[in-house]
Protein backbone atom coordinates (compact mmCIF):
# COMPACT_ATOMS: atom_id res chain seq x y z
CA MET A 1 128.18 91.01 98.44
CA SER A 2 124.83 89.16 98.31
CA THR A 3 125.17 85.23 97.94
CA ASN A 4 122.74 83.27 95.50
CA SER A 5 121.09 81.41 98.25
CA ASP A 6 119.96 85.45 99.92
CA LEU A 7 118.84 86.39 96.50
CA ASN A 8 116.94 83.49 96.87
CA ALA A 9 115.65 83.70 100.47
CA GLN A 10 114.83 87.41 98.69
CA SER A 11 112.26 86.48 95.92
CA THR A 12 110.60 84.00 97.25
CA THR A 13 108.99 85.96 100.67
CA GLY A 14 106.80 88.96 100.55
CA ALA A 15 103.47 90.39 98.92
CA ASP A 16 105.44 90.58 95.87
CA ALA A 17 107.84 87.73 95.25
CA VAL A 18 104.97 85.72 92.90
CA ASP A 19 104.00 88.74 90.74
CA THR A 20 107.73 89.74 90.15
CA ALA A 21 108.45 86.18 89.58
CA ILE A 22 105.50 85.94 87.37
CA ALA A 23 106.71 89.30 85.59
CA LYS A 24 109.17 87.36 84.82
CA GLY A 25 107.81 83.96 83.69
CA LEU A 26 110.24 82.68 86.18
CA ASP A 27 108.51 80.48 89.14
CA LEU A 28 109.84 80.53 92.50
CA ASP A 29 112.41 77.76 91.52
CA GLY A 30 113.51 79.75 88.94
CA SER A 31 111.48 77.66 86.35
CA PRO A 32 110.17 78.48 82.90
CA ILE A 33 106.62 79.46 83.12
CA PRO A 34 105.01 77.52 81.04
CA PRO A 35 103.89 80.27 77.82
CA LYS A 36 99.83 78.82 77.58
CA LYS A 37 99.98 79.26 81.71
CA LEU A 38 101.32 82.47 81.21
CA GLU A 39 99.01 83.18 78.52
CA LEU A 40 95.99 82.31 80.64
CA TYR A 41 96.84 84.25 83.77
CA ASN A 42 97.03 87.46 81.84
CA SER A 43 93.91 86.94 80.44
CA VAL A 44 91.89 86.62 83.28
CA MET A 45 93.95 89.11 84.96
CA ALA A 46 93.53 92.12 82.36
CA LEU A 47 89.48 90.48 83.27
CA GLU A 48 89.81 91.48 86.78
CA GLY A 49 92.13 94.55 85.73
CA ASN A 50 88.18 96.14 83.56
CA ARG A 51 86.73 94.52 86.81
CA GLN A 52 84.75 97.74 88.87
CA ARG A 53 85.42 97.36 92.52
CA SER A 54 83.06 98.76 95.48
CA GLY A 55 86.00 100.12 97.45
CA VAL A 56 88.92 100.04 99.24
CA THR A 57 87.52 99.13 102.78
CA ASN A 58 85.60 96.03 101.25
CA THR A 59 88.84 94.74 99.62
CA MET A 60 91.14 94.97 102.60
CA ARG A 61 88.70 93.22 104.59
CA SER A 62 88.61 90.28 101.56
CA ARG A 63 92.67 90.78 102.01
CA ILE A 64 92.63 90.50 105.47
CA VAL A 65 89.80 87.36 105.86
CA ARG A 66 91.97 85.06 103.18
CA ILE A 67 95.53 85.46 103.86
CA GLY A 68 94.58 85.98 107.75
CA ALA A 69 92.97 82.72 107.79
CA LYS A 70 96.20 80.53 106.29
CA HIS A 71 98.16 82.57 109.88
CA LEU A 72 95.91 82.99 112.34
CA SER A 73 92.92 80.73 114.15
CA GLN A 74 89.34 82.23 113.10
CA ALA A 75 88.82 83.11 116.53
CA ASP A 76 92.08 85.67 116.78
CA LEU A 77 90.99 86.97 113.15
CA ASN A 78 87.79 86.79 114.16
CA GLN A 79 88.15 89.05 116.91
CA ARG A 80 91.43 91.62 114.95
CA LEU A 81 88.06 91.96 112.75
CA GLN A 82 85.83 93.42 115.01
CA ASP A 83 88.42 95.52 116.42
CA ALA A 84 89.26 97.23 113.90
CA ASP A 85 85.18 98.12 113.32
CA PHE A 86 85.66 95.54 110.02
CA PRO A 87 82.27 92.97 110.44
CA PRO A 88 82.76 89.34 111.87
CA LEU A 89 83.35 86.40 109.82
CA LYS A 90 80.92 85.15 107.58
CA GLU A 91 79.70 81.84 107.95
CA LYS A 92 80.15 80.82 104.48
CA GLU A 93 83.80 82.95 105.36
CA ILE A 94 84.22 80.48 108.14
CA ALA A 95 82.73 77.01 106.73
CA PHE A 96 85.15 77.98 103.52
CA TYR A 97 88.22 79.07 105.35
CA TYR A 98 87.96 76.67 108.51
CA GLY A 99 85.89 74.37 107.51
CA GLY A 100 88.23 71.40 106.57
CA LYS A 101 90.63 71.64 110.36
């Protein structure tokens, strides 16, 4: 039997936690997301859903950089990108993700 804290921990971790919460209209702490915020989010996501994609590997690299920069040092992320045959970090990515650190 799960405890309430187990359910909360499961619902606030992992890649889909935010999407699941948004679909329910609830923040990760269980409070309701204001309707105007949900409406704006959903309208922008609908626009994004209609955008032509340039390729899966470009999207993969973008996600790796965006998320990896939160967890890895610049040198480590750059090396991992190169080891996986992705282009290394660009100057603008370094400035954006690591410039203030």
